[in-house]
Amino acid sequence: MQRTIKIVLMMVIASTMLSGCNTARGVGEDIKSLGNAISHAAS
Protein backbone atom coordinates (compact mmCIF):
# COMPACT_ATOMS: atom_id res chain seq x y z
CA MET A 1 0.00 0.00 0.00
CA GLN A 2 2.76 2.45 0.92
CA ARG A 3 4.63 1.65 -2.29
CA THR A 4 1.56 2.56 -4.36
CA ILE A 5 1.15 5.85 -2.53
CA LYS A 6 4.84 6.70 -3.09
CA ILE A 7 4.59 5.91 -6.81
CA VAL A 8 1.46 8.04 -7.22
CA LEU A 9 3.04 10.90 -5.30
CA MET A 10 6.19 10.76 -7.44
CA MET A 11 4.07 10.77 -10.62
CA VAL A 12 2.14 13.82 -9.42
CA ILE A 13 5.34 15.69 -8.58
CA ALA A 14 6.93 14.77 -11.91
CA SER A 15 3.89 15.85 -13.91
CA THR A 16 3.71 19.13 -12.01
CA MET A 17 7.36 19.88 -12.72
CA LEU A 18 7.08 18.95 -16.39
CA SER A 19 3.94 20.98 -16.94
CA GLY A 20 5.57 24.00 -15.29
CA CYS A 21 8.42 24.08 -17.80
CA ASN A 22 7.45 23.24 -21.34
CA THR A 23 10.90 23.15 -22.91
CA ALA A 24 14.23 21.47 -22.28
CA ARG A 25 15.68 24.89 -21.52
CA GLY A 26 13.03 25.40 -18.85
CA VAL A 27 13.88 22.06 -17.26
CA GLY A 28 17.55 23.02 -17.17
CA GLU A 29 16.77 26.36 -15.57
CA ASP A 30 14.54 24.72 -12.97
CA ILE A 31 17.25 22.20 -12.06
CA LYS A 32 19.85 24.97 -11.88
CA SER A 33 17.68 27.07 -9.55
CA LEU A 34 17.01 24.02 -7.38
CA GLY A 35 20.76 23.37 -7.15
CA ASN A 36 21.38 27.00 -6.19
CA ALA A 37 18.70 26.85 -3.49
CA ILE A 38 20.22 23.68 -2.02
CA SER A 39 23.69 25.22 -2.16
CA HIS A 40 22.56 28.35 -0.32
CA ALA A 41 20.69 26.30 2.28
CA ALA A 42 23.77 24.18 2.94
CA SER A 43 26.05 27.15 3.50
C-alpha atoms as a PDB file:
ATOM      1  CA  MET A   1       0.000   0.000   0.000  1.00  0.00           C
ATOM      2  CA  GLN A   2       2.756   2.455   0.915  1.00  0.00           C
ATOM      3  CA  ARG A   3       4.626   1.652  -2.290  1.00  0.00           C
ATOM      4  CA  THR A   4       1.564   2.556  -4.365  1.00  0.00           C
ATOM      5  CA  ILE A   5       1.152   5.852  -2.525  1.00  0.00           C
ATOM      6  CA  LYS A   6       4.839   6.699  -3.090  1.00  0.00           C
ATOM      7  CA  ILE A   7       4.594   5.911  -6.805  1.00  0.00           C
ATOM      8  CA  VAL A   8       1.462   8.035  -7.223  1.00  0.00           C
ATOM      9  CA  LEU A   9       3.042  10.903  -5.305  1.00  0.00           C
ATOM     10  CA  MET A  10       6.190  10.755  -7.440  1.00  0.00           C
ATOM     11  CA  MET A  11       4.074  10.770 -10.616  1.00  0.00           C
ATOM     12  CA  VAL A  12       2.137  13.825  -9.416  1.00  0.00           C
ATOM     13  CA  ILE A  13       5.340  15.691  -8.581  1.00  0.00           C
ATOM     14  CA  ALA A  14       6.934  14.774 -11.911  1.00  0.00           C
ATOM     15  CA  SER A  15       3.885  15.846 -13.914  1.00  0.00           C
ATOM     16  CA  THR A  16       3.712  19.131 -12.014  1.00  0.00           C
ATOM     17  CA  MET A  17       7.360  19.879 -12.720  1.00  0.00           C
ATOM     18  CA  LEU A  18       7.084  18.950 -16.386  1.00  0.00           C
ATOM     19  CA  SER A  19       3.938  20.983 -16.935  1.00  0.00           C
ATOM     20  CA  GLY A  20       5.571  23.997 -15.287  1.00  0.00           C
ATOM     21  CA  CYS A  21       8.418  24.081 -17.795  1.00  0.00           C
ATOM     22  CA  ASN A  22       7.448  23.241 -21.339  1.00  0.00           C
ATOM     23  CA  THR A  23      10.900  23.154 -22.910  1.00  0.00           C
ATOM     24  CA  ALA A  24      14.225  21.468 -22.283  1.00  0.00           C
ATOM     25  CA  ARG A  25      15.681  24.886 -21.523  1.00  0.00           C
ATOM     26  CA  GLY A  26      13.030  25.404 -18.851  1.00  0.00           C
ATOM     27  CA  VAL A  27      13.885  22.056 -17.264  1.00  0.00           C
ATOM     28  CA  GLY A  28      17.548  23.019 -17.170  1.00  0.00           C
ATOM     29  CA  GLU A  29      16.775  26.365 -15.568  1.00  0.00           C
ATOM     30  CA  ASP A  30      14.543  24.717 -12.966  1.00  0.00           C
ATOM     31  CA  ILE A  31      17.253  22.196 -12.060  1.00  0.00           C
ATOM     32  CA  LYS A  32      19.847  24.970 -11.882  1.00  0.00           C
ATOM     33  CA  SER A  33      17.683  27.065  -9.555  1.00  0.00           C
ATOM     34  CA  LEU A  34      17.012  24.018  -7.380  1.00  0.00           C
ATOM     35  CA  GLY A  35      20.756  23.370  -7.148  1.00  0.00           C
ATOM     36  CA  ASN A  36      21.378  26.997  -6.190  1.00  0.00           C
ATOM     37  CA  ALA A  37      18.703  26.847  -3.493  1.00  0.00           C
ATOM     38  CA  ILE A  38      20.221  23.683  -2.018  1.00  0.00           C
ATOM     39  CA  SER A  39      23.691  25.220  -2.161  1.00  0.00           C
ATOM     40  CA  HIS A  40      22.558  28.349  -0.325  1.00  0.00           C
ATOM     41  CA  ALA A  41      20.691  26.297   2.276  1.00  0.00           C
ATOM     42  CA  ALA A  42      23.770  24.184   2.937  1.00  0.00           C
ATOM     43  CA  SER A  43      26.045  27.154   3.504  1.00  0.00           C
END
